[in-house]
PDB file of N, CA and C in Angstrom:
ATOM      1  N   UNK A   1     -29.055   0.543   1.941  1.00  0.00           N
ATOM      2  CA  UNK A   1     -28.191  -0.232   1.073  1.00  0.00           C
ATOM      3  C   UNK A   1     -26.899   0.532   0.764  1.00  0.00           C
ATOM      4  N   UNK A   2     -27.040   1.814   0.487  1.00  0.00           N
ATOM      5  CA  UNK A   2     -25.880   2.643   0.148  1.00  0.00           C
ATOM      6  C   UNK A   2     -24.858   2.630   1.282  1.00  0.00           C
ATOM      7  N   UNK A   3     -25.335   2.747   2.530  1.00  0.00           N
ATOM      8  CA  UNK A   3     -24.426   2.751   3.684  1.00  0.00           C
ATOM      9  C   UNK A   3     -23.678   1.435   3.825  1.00  0.00           C
ATOM     10  N   UNK A   4     -24.328   0.330   3.510  1.00  0.00           N
ATOM     11  CA  UNK A   4     -23.664  -0.973   3.583  1.00  0.00           C
ATOM     12  C   UNK A   4     -22.529  -1.034   2.568  1.00  0.00           C
ATOM     13  N   UNK A   5     -22.738  -0.522   1.383  1.00  0.00           N
ATOM     14  CA  UNK A   5     -21.693  -0.522   0.357  1.00  0.00           C
ATOM     15  C   UNK A   5     -20.530   0.360   0.793  1.00  0.00           C
ATOM     16  N   UNK A   6     -20.815   1.524   1.349  1.00  0.00           N
ATOM     17  CA  UNK A   6     -19.765   2.429   1.828  1.00  0.00           C
ATOM     18  C   UNK A   6     -18.949   1.750   2.924  1.00  0.00           C
ATOM     19  N   UNK A   7     -19.637   1.065   3.830  1.00  0.00           N
ATOM     20  CA  UNK A   7     -18.935   0.374   4.922  1.00  0.00           C
ATOM     21  C   UNK A   7     -18.026  -0.712   4.359  1.00  0.00           C
ATOM     22  N   UNK A   8     -18.481  -1.428   3.333  1.00  0.00           N
ATOM     23  CA  UNK A   8     -17.639  -2.446   2.699  1.00  0.00           C
ATOM     24  C   UNK A   8     -16.372  -1.808   2.134  1.00  0.00           C
ATOM     25  N   UNK A   9     -16.520  -0.678   1.475  1.00  0.00           N
ATOM     26  CA  UNK A   9     -15.357  -0.017   0.884  1.00  0.00           C
ATOM     27  C   UNK A   9     -14.423   0.520   1.964  1.00  0.00           C
ATOM     28  N   UNK A  10     -14.985   1.048   3.039  1.00  0.00           N
ATOM     29  CA  UNK A  10     -14.142   1.521   4.137  1.00  0.00           C
ATOM     30  C   UNK A  10     -13.369   0.366   4.751  1.00  0.00           C
ATOM     31  N   UNK A  11     -13.996  -0.792   4.811  1.00  0.00           N
ATOM     32  CA  UNK A  11     -13.324  -1.989   5.327  1.00  0.00           C
ATOM     33  C   UNK A  11     -12.160  -2.379   4.423  1.00  0.00           C
ATOM     34  N   UNK A  12     -12.359  -2.304   3.126  1.00  0.00           N
ATOM     35  CA  UNK A  12     -11.290  -2.608   2.163  1.00  0.00           C
ATOM     36  C   UNK A  12     -10.128  -1.645   2.349  1.00  0.00           C
ATOM     37  N   UNK A  13     -10.426  -0.364   2.484  1.00  0.00           N
ATOM     38  CA  UNK A  13      -9.371   0.641   2.657  1.00  0.00           C
ATOM     39  C   UNK A  13      -8.605   0.412   3.966  1.00  0.00           C
ATOM     40  N   UNK A  14      -9.331   0.116   5.025  1.00  0.00           N
ATOM     41  CA  UNK A  14      -8.675  -0.139   6.315  1.00  0.00           C
ATOM     42  C   UNK A  14      -7.825  -1.409   6.250  1.00  0.00           C
ATOM     43  N   UNK A  15      -8.351  -2.432   5.616  1.00  0.00           N
ATOM     44  CA  UNK A  15      -7.613  -3.697   5.505  1.00  0.00           C
ATOM     45  C   UNK A  15      -6.326  -3.512   4.711  1.00  0.00           C
ATOM     46  N   UNK A  16      -6.359  -2.693   3.683  1.00  0.00           N
ATOM     47  CA  UNK A  16      -5.144  -2.473   2.891  1.00  0.00           C
ATOM     48  C   UNK A  16      -4.069  -1.779   3.727  1.00  0.00           C
ATOM     49  N   UNK A  17      -4.471  -0.860   4.589  1.00  0.00           N
ATOM     50  CA  UNK A  17      -3.514  -0.176   5.458  1.00  0.00           C
ATOM     51  C   UNK A  17      -2.931  -1.135   6.503  1.00  0.00           C
ATOM     52  N   UNK A  18      -3.780  -1.973   7.059  1.00  0.00           N
ATOM     53  CA  UNK A  18      -3.320  -2.958   8.044  1.00  0.00           C
ATOM     54  C   UNK A  18      -2.343  -3.928   7.385  1.00  0.00           C
ATOM     55  N   UNK A  19      -2.687  -4.398   6.202  1.00  0.00           N
ATOM     56  CA  UNK A  19      -1.819  -5.328   5.480  1.00  0.00           C
ATOM     57  C   UNK A  19      -0.451  -4.689   5.215  1.00  0.00           C
ATOM     58  N   UNK A  20      -0.455  -3.435   4.791  1.00  0.00           N
ATOM     59  CA  UNK A  20       0.799  -2.736   4.493  1.00  0.00           C
ATOM     60  C   UNK A  20       1.664  -2.608   5.753  1.00  0.00           C
ATOM     61  N   UNK A  21       1.039  -2.263   6.839  1.00  0.00           N
ATOM     62  CA  UNK A  21       1.787  -2.146   8.107  1.00  0.00           C
ATOM     63  C   UNK A  21       2.357  -3.495   8.531  1.00  0.00           C
ATOM     64  N   UNK A  22       1.583  -4.548   8.372  1.00  0.00           N
ATOM     65  CA  UNK A  22       2.072  -5.874   8.732  1.00  0.00           C
ATOM     66  C   UNK A  22       3.255  -6.272   7.857  1.00  0.00           C
ATOM     67  N   UNK A  23       3.168  -5.971   6.583  1.00  0.00           N
ATOM     68  CA  UNK A  23       4.277  -6.309   5.674  1.00  0.00           C
ATOM     69  C   UNK A  23       5.547  -5.564   6.063  1.00  0.00           C
ATOM     70  N   UNK A  24       5.429  -4.272   6.328  1.00  0.00           N
ATOM     71  CA  UNK A  24       6.607  -3.495   6.717  1.00  0.00           C
ATOM     72  C   UNK A  24       7.170  -3.979   8.050  1.00  0.00           C
ATOM     73  N   UNK A  25       6.295  -4.284   8.980  1.00  0.00           N
ATOM     74  CA  UNK A  25       6.745  -4.789  10.274  1.00  0.00           C
ATOM     75  C   UNK A  25       7.506  -6.101  10.100  1.00  0.00           C
ATOM     76  N   UNK A  26       7.003  -6.976   9.252  1.00  0.00           N
ATOM     77  CA  UNK A  26       7.682  -8.252   8.993  1.00  0.00           C
ATOM     78  C   UNK A  26       9.054  -8.029   8.374  1.00  0.00           C
ATOM     79  N   UNK A  27       9.159  -7.057   7.492  1.00  0.00           N
ATOM     80  CA  UNK A  27      10.454  -6.744   6.880  1.00  0.00           C
ATOM     81  C   UNK A  27      11.429  -6.240   7.932  1.00  0.00           C
ATOM     82  N   UNK A  28      10.980  -5.319   8.775  1.00  0.00           N
ATOM     83  CA  UNK A  28      11.871  -4.743   9.787  1.00  0.00           C
ATOM     84  C   UNK A  28      12.270  -5.757  10.857  1.00  0.00           C
ATOM     85  N   UNK A  29      11.431  -6.758  11.098  1.00  0.00           N
ATOM     86  CA  UNK A  29      11.758  -7.769  12.097  1.00  0.00           C
ATOM     87  C   UNK A  29      12.548  -8.940  11.515  1.00  0.00           C
ATOM     88  N   UNK A  30      12.688  -8.961  10.209  1.00  0.00           N
ATOM     89  CA  UNK A  30      13.379 -10.054   9.544  1.00  0.00           C
ATOM     90  C   UNK A  30      14.879 -10.022   9.837  1.00  0.00           C
ATOM     91  N   UNK A  31      15.477 -11.189   9.844  1.00  0.00           N
ATOM     92  CA  UNK A  31      16.929 -11.282  10.001  1.00  0.00           C
ATOM     93  C   UNK A  31      17.631 -11.308   8.647  1.00  0.00           C
ATOM     94  N   UNK A  32      16.862 -11.309   7.586  1.00  0.00           N
ATOM     95  CA  UNK A  32      17.408 -11.326   6.234  1.00  0.00           C
ATOM     96  C   UNK A  32      17.736  -9.894   5.796  1.00  0.00           C
ATOM     97  N   UNK A  33      18.193  -9.752   4.566  1.00  0.00           N
ATOM     98  CA  UNK A  33      18.579  -8.459   4.013  1.00  0.00           C
ATOM     99  C   UNK A  33      17.358  -7.536   3.918  1.00  0.00           C
ATOM    100  N   UNK A  34      17.236  -6.630   4.861  1.00  0.00           N
ATOM    101  CA  UNK A  34      16.071  -5.747   4.920  1.00  0.00           C
ATOM    102  C   UNK A  34      15.993  -4.812   3.716  1.00  0.00           C
ATOM    103  N   UNK A  35      17.139  -4.318   3.280  1.00  0.00           N
ATOM    104  CA  UNK A  35      17.154  -3.408   2.133  1.00  0.00           C
ATOM    105  C   UNK A  35      16.604  -4.113   0.890  1.00  0.00           C
ATOM    106  N   UNK A  36      17.032  -5.343   0.672  1.00  0.00           N
ATOM    107  CA  UNK A  36      16.544  -6.103  -0.484  1.00  0.00           C
ATOM    108  C   UNK A  36      15.056  -6.401  -0.349  1.00  0.00           C
ATOM    109  N   UNK A  37      14.628  -6.753   0.851  1.00  0.00           N
ATOM    110  CA  UNK A  37      13.207  -7.017   1.072  1.00  0.00           C
ATOM    111  C   UNK A  37      12.364  -5.759   0.824  1.00  0.00           C
ATOM    112  N   UNK A  38      12.866  -4.602   1.258  1.00  0.00           N
ATOM    113  CA  UNK A  38      12.153  -3.346   0.991  1.00  0.00           C
ATOM    114  C   UNK A  38      12.084  -3.065  -0.501  1.00  0.00           C
ATOM    115  N   UNK A  39      13.174  -3.311  -1.210  1.00  0.00           N
ATOM    116  CA  UNK A  39      13.174  -3.101  -2.665  1.00  0.00           C
ATOM    117  C   UNK A  39      12.171  -4.035  -3.341  1.00  0.00           C
ATOM    118  N   UNK A  40      12.140  -5.283  -2.892  1.00  0.00           N
ATOM    119  CA  UNK A  40      11.175  -6.237  -3.456  1.00  0.00           C
ATOM    120  C   UNK A  40       9.738  -5.794  -3.170  1.00  0.00           C
ATOM    121  N   UNK A  41       9.511  -5.307  -1.963  1.00  0.00           N
ATOM    122  CA  UNK A  41       8.168  -4.846  -1.596  1.00  0.00           C
ATOM    123  C   UNK A  41       7.791  -3.603  -2.408  1.00  0.00           C
ATOM    124  N   UNK A  42       8.752  -2.737  -2.648  1.00  0.00           N
ATOM    125  CA  UNK A  42       8.502  -1.557  -3.483  1.00  0.00           C
ATOM    126  C   UNK A  42       8.077  -1.982  -4.889  1.00  0.00           C
ATOM    127  N   UNK A  43       8.790  -2.939  -5.459  1.00  0.00           N
ATOM    128  CA  UNK A  43       8.453  -3.430  -6.801  1.00  0.00           C
ATOM    129  C   UNK A  43       7.074  -4.087  -6.816  1.00  0.00           C
ATOM    130  N   UNK A  44       6.774  -4.858  -5.779  1.00  0.00           N
ATOM    131  CA  UNK A  44       5.458  -5.494  -5.664  1.00  0.00           C
ATOM    132  C   UNK A  44       4.361  -4.437  -5.570  1.00  0.00           C
ATOM    133  N   UNK A  45       4.615  -3.389  -4.789  1.00  0.00           N
ATOM    134  CA  UNK A  45       3.654  -2.304  -4.631  1.00  0.00           C
ATOM    135  C   UNK A  45       3.392  -1.617  -5.965  1.00  0.00           C
ATOM    136  N   UNK A  46       4.433  -1.401  -6.741  1.00  0.00           N
ATOM    137  CA  UNK A  46       4.274  -0.762  -8.058  1.00  0.00           C
ATOM    138  C   UNK A  46       3.455  -1.655  -8.993  1.00  0.00           C
ATOM    139  N   UNK A  47       3.727  -2.960  -8.972  1.00  0.00           N
ATOM    140  CA  UNK A  47       2.936  -3.888  -9.801  1.00  0.00           C
ATOM    141  C   UNK A  47       1.465  -3.857  -9.387  1.00  0.00           C
ATOM    142  N   UNK A  48       1.217  -3.844  -8.080  1.00  0.00           N
ATOM    143  CA  UNK A  48      -0.169  -3.789  -7.600  1.00  0.00           C
ATOM    144  C   UNK A  48      -0.856  -2.496  -8.034  1.00  0.00           C
ATOM    145  N   UNK A  49      -0.129  -1.394  -7.971  1.00  0.00           N
ATOM    146  CA  UNK A  49      -0.699  -0.120  -8.419  1.00  0.00           C
ATOM    147  C   UNK A  49      -1.044  -0.154  -9.904  1.00  0.00           C
ATOM    148  N   UNK A  50      -0.172  -0.747 -10.691  1.00  0.00           N
ATOM    149  CA  UNK A  50      -0.450  -0.876 -12.128  1.00  0.00           C
ATOM    150  C   UNK A  50      -1.688  -1.731 -12.369  1.00  0.00           C
ATOM    151  N   UNK A  51      -1.837  -2.805 -11.587  1.00  0.00           N
ATOM    152  CA  UNK A  51      -3.030  -3.645 -11.713  1.00  0.00           C
ATOM    153  C   UNK A  51      -4.288  -2.866 -11.351  1.00  0.00           C
ATOM    154  N   UNK A  52      -4.211  -2.079 -10.280  1.00  0.00           N
ATOM    155  CA  UNK A  52      -5.368  -1.258  -9.895  1.00  0.00           C
ATOM    156  C   UNK A  52      -5.691  -0.209 -10.952  1.00  0.00           C
ATOM    157  N   UNK A  53      -4.653   0.388 -11.526  1.00  0.00           N
ATOM    158  CA  UNK A  53      -4.868   1.391 -12.575  1.00  0.00           C
ATOM    159  C   UNK A  53      -5.546   0.762 -13.792  1.00  0.00           C
ATOM    160  N   UNK A  54      -5.143  -0.447 -14.141  1.00  0.00           N
ATOM    161  CA  UNK A  54      -5.797  -1.143 -15.256  1.00  0.00           C
ATOM    162  C   UNK A  54      -7.240  -1.479 -14.922  1.00  0.00           C
ATOM    163  N   UNK A  55      -7.488  -1.874 -13.682  1.00  0.00           N
ATOM    164  CA  UNK A  55      -8.844  -2.220 -13.263  1.00  0.00           C
ATOM    165  C   UNK A  55      -9.761  -1.000 -13.281  1.00  0.00           C
ATOM    166  N   UNK A  56      -9.261   0.140 -12.838  1.00  0.00           N
ATOM    167  CA  UNK A  56     -10.105   1.334 -12.770  1.00  0.00           C
ATOM    168  C   UNK A  56     -10.458   1.846 -14.177  1.00  0.00           C
ATOM    169  N   UNK A  57      -9.717   1.404 -15.175  1.00  0.00           N
ATOM    170  CA  UNK A  57      -9.999   1.805 -16.560  1.00  0.00           C
ATOM    171  C   UNK A  57     -11.108   0.972 -17.200  1.00  0.00           C
ATOM    172  N   UNK A  58     -11.547  -0.075 -16.511  1.00  0.00           N
ATOM    173  CA  UNK A  58     -12.602  -0.918 -17.055  1.00  0.00           C
ATOM    174  C   UNK A  58     -13.969  -0.310 -16.752  1.00  0.00           C
ATOM    175  N   UNK A  59     -15.004  -0.953 -17.259  1.00  0.00           N
ATOM    176  CA  UNK A  59     -16.373  -0.473 -17.044  1.00  0.00           C
ATOM    177  C   UNK A  59     -16.825  -0.876 -15.644  1.00  0.00           C
ATOM    178  N   UNK A  60     -16.835   0.095 -14.728  1.00  0.00           N
ATOM    179  CA  UNK A  60     -17.194  -0.150 -13.334  1.00  0.00           C
ATOM    180  C   UNK A  60     -18.326   0.779 -12.910  1.00  0.00           C
ATOM    181  N   UNK A  61     -19.113   0.346 -11.930  1.00  0.00           N
ATOM    182  CA  UNK A  61     -20.089   1.277 -11.346  1.00  0.00           C
ATOM    183  C   UNK A  61     -19.340   2.452 -10.688  1.00  0.00           C
ATOM    184  N   UNK A  62     -19.989   3.583 -10.635  1.00  0.00           N
ATOM    185  CA  UNK A  62     -19.346   4.803 -10.124  1.00  0.00           C
ATOM    186  C   UNK A  62     -18.808   4.628  -8.707  1.00  0.00           C
ATOM    187  N   UNK A  63     -19.562   3.964  -7.863  1.00  0.00           N
ATOM    188  CA  UNK A  63     -19.136   3.791  -6.479  1.00  0.00           C
ATOM    189  C   UNK A  63     -17.893   2.892  -6.383  1.00  0.00           C
ATOM    190  N   UNK A  64     -17.853   1.854  -7.185  1.00  0.00           N
ATOM    191  CA  UNK A  64     -16.678   0.976  -7.205  1.00  0.00           C
ATOM    192  C   UNK A  64     -15.455   1.733  -7.714  1.00  0.00           C
ATOM    193  N   UNK A  65     -15.664   2.542  -8.732  1.00  0.00           N
ATOM    194  CA  UNK A  65     -14.567   3.349  -9.274  1.00  0.00           C
ATOM    195  C   UNK A  65     -14.052   4.331  -8.215  1.00  0.00           C
ATOM    196  N   UNK A  66     -14.953   4.932  -7.465  1.00  0.00           N
ATOM    197  CA  UNK A  66     -14.554   5.876  -6.411  1.00  0.00           C
ATOM    198  C   UNK A  66     -13.737   5.160  -5.334  1.00  0.00           C
ATOM    199  N   UNK A  67     -14.153   3.957  -4.970  1.00  0.00           N
ATOM    200  CA  UNK A  67     -13.416   3.195  -3.964  1.00  0.00           C
ATOM    201  C   UNK A  67     -12.022   2.845  -4.480  1.00  0.00           C
ATOM    202  N   UNK A  68     -11.940   2.402  -5.726  1.00  0.00           N
ATOM    203  CA  UNK A  68     -10.630   2.079  -6.303  1.00  0.00           C
ATOM    204  C   UNK A  68      -9.736   3.315  -6.383  1.00  0.00           C
ATOM    205  N   UNK A  69     -10.320   4.451  -6.699  1.00  0.00           N
ATOM    206  CA  UNK A  69      -9.530   5.689  -6.748  1.00  0.00           C
ATOM    207  C   UNK A  69      -8.991   6.034  -5.357  1.00  0.00           C
ATOM    208  N   UNK A  70      -9.804   5.832  -4.334  1.00  0.00           N
ATOM    209  CA  UNK A  70      -9.338   6.075  -2.961  1.00  0.00           C
ATOM    210  C   UNK A  70      -8.232   5.093  -2.598  1.00  0.00           C
ATOM    211  N   UNK A  71      -8.398   3.834  -2.984  1.00  0.00           N
ATOM    212  CA  UNK A  71      -7.375   2.824  -2.719  1.00  0.00           C
ATOM    213  C   UNK A  71      -6.083   3.146  -3.454  1.00  0.00           C
ATOM    214  N   UNK A  72      -6.187   3.602  -4.683  1.00  0.00           N
ATOM    215  CA  UNK A  72      -4.998   3.988  -5.454  1.00  0.00           C
ATOM    216  C   UNK A  72      -4.302   5.163  -4.780  1.00  0.00           C
ATOM    217  N   UNK A  73      -5.071   6.124  -4.310  1.00  0.00           N
ATOM    218  CA  UNK A  73      -4.479   7.285  -3.627  1.00  0.00           C
ATOM    219  C   UNK A  73      -3.688   6.843  -2.399  1.00  0.00           C
ATOM    220  N   UNK A  74      -4.280   5.975  -1.588  1.00  0.00           N
ATOM    221  CA  UNK A  74      -3.574   5.468  -0.416  1.00  0.00           C
ATOM    222  C   UNK A  74      -2.320   4.693  -0.823  1.00  0.00           C
ATOM    223  N   UNK A  75      -2.451   3.878  -1.860  1.00  0.00           N
ATOM    224  CA  UNK A  75      -1.316   3.072  -2.310  1.00  0.00           C
ATOM    225  C   UNK A  75      -0.196   3.924  -2.901  1.00  0.00           C
ATOM    226  N   UNK A  76      -0.549   5.008  -3.563  1.00  0.00           N
ATOM    227  CA  UNK A  76       0.484   5.901  -4.108  1.00  0.00           C
ATOM    228  C   UNK A  76       1.268   6.555  -2.973  1.00  0.00           C
ATOM    229  N   UNK A  77       0.571   6.994  -1.954  1.00  0.00           N
ATOM    230  CA  UNK A  77       1.265   7.583  -0.806  1.00  0.00           C
ATOM    231  C   UNK A  77       2.148   6.542  -0.114  1.00  0.00           C
ATOM    232  N   UNK A  78       1.641   5.328  -0.002  1.00  0.00           N
ATOM    233  CA  UNK A  78       2.432   4.253   0.608  1.00  0.00           C
ATOM    234  C   UNK A  78       3.645   3.938  -0.260  1.00  0.00           C
ATOM    235  N   UNK A  79       3.449   3.904  -1.575  1.00  0.00           N
ATOM    236  CA  UNK A  79       4.568   3.650  -2.482  1.00  0.00           C
ATOM    237  C   UNK A  79       5.645   4.709  -2.314  1.00  0.00           C
ATOM    238  N   UNK A  80       5.225   5.958  -2.212  1.00  0.00           N
ATOM    239  CA  UNK A  80       6.193   7.048  -2.024  1.00  0.00           C
ATOM    240  C   UNK A  80       6.967   6.875  -0.725  1.00  0.00           C
ATOM    241  N   UNK A  81       6.271   6.460   0.325  1.00  0.00           N
ATOM    242  CA  UNK A  81       6.937   6.230   1.612  1.00  0.00           C
ATOM    243  C   UNK A  81       7.927   5.081   1.505  1.00  0.00           C
ATOM    244  N   UNK A  82       7.510   3.996   0.878  1.00  0.00           N
ATOM    245  CA  UNK A  82       8.387   2.841   0.717  1.00  0.00           C
ATOM    246  C   UNK A  82       9.600   3.209  -0.137  1.00  0.00           C
ATOM    247  N   UNK A  83       9.371   3.995  -1.180  1.00  0.00           N
ATOM    248  CA  UNK A  83      10.482   4.441  -2.029  1.00  0.00           C
ATOM    249  C   UNK A  83      11.464   5.282  -1.222  1.00  0.00           C
ATOM    250  N   UNK A  84      10.952   6.142  -0.361  1.00  0.00           N
ATOM    251  CA  UNK A  84      11.833   6.950   0.490  1.00  0.00           C
ATOM    252  C   UNK A  84      12.638   6.060   1.441  1.00  0.00           C
ATOM    253  N   UNK A  85      12.009   5.021   1.970  1.00  0.00           N
ATOM    254  CA  UNK A  85      12.730   4.083   2.838  1.00  0.00           C
ATOM    255  C   UNK A  85      13.859   3.407   2.074  1.00  0.00           C
ATOM    256  N   UNK A  86      13.575   3.009   0.843  1.00  0.00           N
ATOM    257  CA  UNK A  86      14.591   2.343   0.020  1.00  0.00           C
ATOM    258  C   UNK A  86      15.717   3.313  -0.315  1.00  0.00           C
ATOM    259  N   UNK A  87      15.347   4.513  -0.788  1.00  0.00           N
ATOM    260  CA  UNK A  87      16.363   5.485  -1.199  1.00  0.00           C
ATOM    261  C   UNK A  87      17.250   5.929  -0.041  1.00  0.00           C
ATOM    262  N   UNK A  88      16.670   6.043   1.145  1.00  0.00           N
ATOM    263  CA  UNK A  88      17.438   6.492   2.313  1.00  0.00           C
ATOM    264  C   UNK A  88      18.008   5.340   3.131  1.00  0.00           C
ATOM    265  N   UNK A  89      17.811   4.121   2.605  1.00  0.00           N
ATOM    266  CA  UNK A  89      18.346   2.916   3.247  1.00  0.00           C
ATOM    267  C   UNK A  89      17.932   2.789   4.722  1.00  0.00           C
ATOM    268  N   UNK A  90      16.659   3.067   4.974  1.00  0.00           N
ATOM    269  CA  UNK A  90      16.100   2.928   6.319  1.00  0.00           C
ATOM    270  C   UNK A  90      15.731   1.455   6.503  1.00  0.00           C
ATOM    271  N   UNK A  91      16.462   0.772   7.366  1.00  0.00           N
ATOM    272  CA  UNK A  91      16.207  -0.654   7.579  1.00  0.00           C
ATOM    273  C   UNK A  91      15.926  -0.963   9.047  1.00  0.00           C
ATOM    274  N   UNK A  92      15.727   0.065   9.837  1.00  0.00           N
ATOM    275  CA  UNK A  92      15.438  -0.112  11.253  1.00  0.00           C
ATOM    276  C   UNK A  92      14.145   0.623  11.543  1.00  0.00           C
ATOM    277  N   UNK A  93      13.160  -0.089  12.059  1.00  0.00           N
ATOM    278  CA  UNK A  93      11.859   0.550  12.262  1.00  0.00           C
ATOM    279  C   UNK A  93      11.920   1.717  13.212  1.00  0.00           C
ATOM    280  N   UNK A  94      12.885   1.749  14.117  1.00  0.00           N
ATOM    281  CA  UNK A  94      13.008   2.850  15.063  1.00  0.00           C
ATOM    282  C   UNK A  94      13.501   4.132  14.383  1.00  0.00           C
ATOM    283  N   UNK A  95      14.186   3.964  13.255  1.00  0.00           N
ATOM    284  CA  UNK A  95      14.598   5.142  12.485  1.00  0.00           C
ATOM    285  C   UNK A  95      13.433   5.816  11.782  1.00  0.00           C
ATOM    286  N   UNK A  96      12.318   5.116  11.651  1.00  0.00           N
ATOM    287  CA  UNK A  96      11.141   5.713  11.035  1.00  0.00           C
ATOM    288  C   UNK A  96      10.652   6.918  11.803  1.00  0.00           C
ATOM    289  N   UNK A  97      10.816   6.877  13.134  1.00  0.00           N
ATOM    290  CA  UNK A  97      10.366   7.993  13.966  1.00  0.00           C
ATOM    291  C   UNK A  97      11.229   9.230  13.731  1.00  0.00           C
ATOM    292  N   UNK A  98      12.486   9.014  13.443  1.00  0.00           N
ATOM    293  CA  UNK A  98      13.398  10.118  13.175  1.00  0.00           C
ATOM    294  C   UNK A  98      13.209  10.614  11.760  1.00  0.00           C
ATOM    295  N   UNK A  99      13.005   9.675  10.847  1.00  0.00           N
ATOM    296  CA  UNK A  99      12.851   9.985   9.439  1.00  0.00           C
ATOM    297  C   UNK A  99      11.599  10.783   9.258  1.00  0.00           C
TER     298      UNK A  99
END
C-alpha cells in the first residue's frame, strides 16, 4: 500500500513538471507579447505557491505533507527560473540554452 501512495505522489510531481514545461513552451511559441505572458505566468506561479503553502499548514497526514513539501520545493525552483526569465527579458526559447 505504501508503495502505491509513493507512486501516486511521484506521478503528481512528474505531472507538475510536464505542465510547467508545456506552459513555457506555449509562451515561447506564442505570437503575442511573450514578456507579458511570462510576467503573468510568474504571478500565477506565485499565487499557486501561496495556495500550496496555505494547504501544507492544514492538518494533513505526514505522507501528504511530505509530498506537498516536495511539490513546493520544485515550484520554488521553477518560480526562481521564471523570475530570472522575466528579469533578463528572455523571450526566445533558444536563448534558454545560452542563459
